[in-house]
């Protein structure tokens, strides 16, 4: 962290909240380095149809001796290792006079260049054809660039400002990015340092754009919505209107917009059949990807947008200490992802619901699935939210050859969302006038406005400050954050006139449902849940399902149909082949543990006036039909 940034934070810490909001623009003192700046990138796409970019980076004012250039192995918003260097080749280098320099390589992640005259220009080809929030996709329709997957850099010069010039292969292409434009230079942008550059995904295409003004802590700020899609202008207008309503709910949660560096926030979206599905947060932007068009998805992309926009506060400014500063050479672990990602997971659909862009029953359907997944997960016996957060490098799009036991991990996204729900309902019930919004605003004031990264215990302190109840905060964190205990949700949800009930009360359950095909046979495609009938009988993933109840299992659909016909308490014989052994086991189906959350009205009950008022205060004014 630069000295002038530390000065900004010190000023914020010793002033009032309003003054701190003004002071906390981390890059307020940064300036465009100009065309002769020490670091310059040139990006062109002479072979875009075959997914290649040609990139030159020039470093000036280098210290004597060898210079190491390298690609990142991780990316902001991701928690696992990603080997971006695999897509870089045809690397060459020249000095300031254009003389060829020797490029050496002793490891897979970088290159060494020596014999320079204080200037080195490295040119390389980048291949990219995976359009998500982590990688790059280059083709005739667009250049979708995540910067760690795109740019190599020279180590030891991270604090220097940077200029990037794009050379478009199509005159219709425009640029959407959080990078500020360079004055007087077309298709040219700049970054105050390497951290900001790597945090700035960029889309070049003939995208549609909508923009509008919102109030900020030091004046008006611009929100930009850039969407590369195949839909209509009417689709775009509807989506922009939805976005405006949703982000107003975010402002209500946190008490207003943060100060966006350079005065704007940019949504970058690719809704294309050849893209992927993803969303990735960044400091003053987010990049969202879906294979479906807006109308095709019935504008369901608004939920990803709402999730990612929550990150403008929670993660990008209310930042876990483990992610600050971000190290591009390794996985960046933190035990706080249950709060950073999980609470964001809670607020995404909640802000859409409060904006009136999601029916109450649809919200409750998603809420019930999240609760069911976490409450019934056998992984909770292996750790609480903090433990699951630390396992992120093994699961966040990480790949391994050997299988991993899925029964030992429950995602910190829904796990954290459940913790957020518990805390919100408990605050509303135990402390009149207090909600989870108050907790988030406390985190914002102490850690977001000042941009002081938080440690795990800081969240506990924030809860104690909001409730005035140190004992409650300590007990809650010990039981449900450090530990894995969860309370009975039924009475908490009943406060809002909601009912928790079995999702399939008449159906029997054996412990695993998914079947697949392997070598012409039908096999169990998932490991059974511990202590379930299948688990106790020694049936495992990959076992061939020969027959159930005397009927041959001919295909996966037949297995699914046979399971659906089971009743709780029913005895049934299963024949399997397991790694060269054929055997028969007798199983007794148990009640399906899956449950759902519905309105009392759906369950044939009438909410009381107090329940209706609780629901409206929590889910929005139109939450009680």
Foldseek 3Di string as FASTA:
>chain_A
DDPVLVVLLVVLVPDDLLVLLVSNLSCPVFDFQPPPFQKEKEWECPPLAQQKIKMKIKGAQDDADKWKKWFFQDAAQAFAGRQLLVFKDPKWKAEPVRHTWDWADDDSTIIITHPHPRMMMMMIMGGFQAFAQTEWRGRPAKTWHQPSSPDIDTPPFFQAKYKYAYDYPDPLWDKFKLFDADPPDPRMGIDRGNLQRNLIIMMIHNWDKDKDWDAESVGIAMEMETEAEDDDPVLVVVLVVLLVLLVVLVCVLQVHDRQQNVRYAYEAEYADLSYDAYKGAGQRYIYGYHNHDCVRVVNPCQLSVLLRVNLNQQPNQQNAPQPVPPDRHGRRAALCCLRSQQCSLQRSVLSSLQSVNDALQRVQQVVQVLCLQQVPQLQLVQWASSVLRRCSNVPRPDDDDDDDAPSNHDHSRSRSSLLQVQQQLCCVPPPPPDGVSQLSNLSCSPGRSSVNHDHVCVSLVSVCVRRVNNVVSVVSCVPHSRHPDDDDCQVSLVLQQKGKDAPCQFFFDQFAQFWDADPQFIWGQHAGHPPGQCVVQPHGGPKGWQDKQPHGDNGSVSSNVVRRPHGQQDKMKTWIHDPNDTDIDITGTHGDPRIGMDHNVVVVHDRDPSSNVVNCVRRHVPNDD
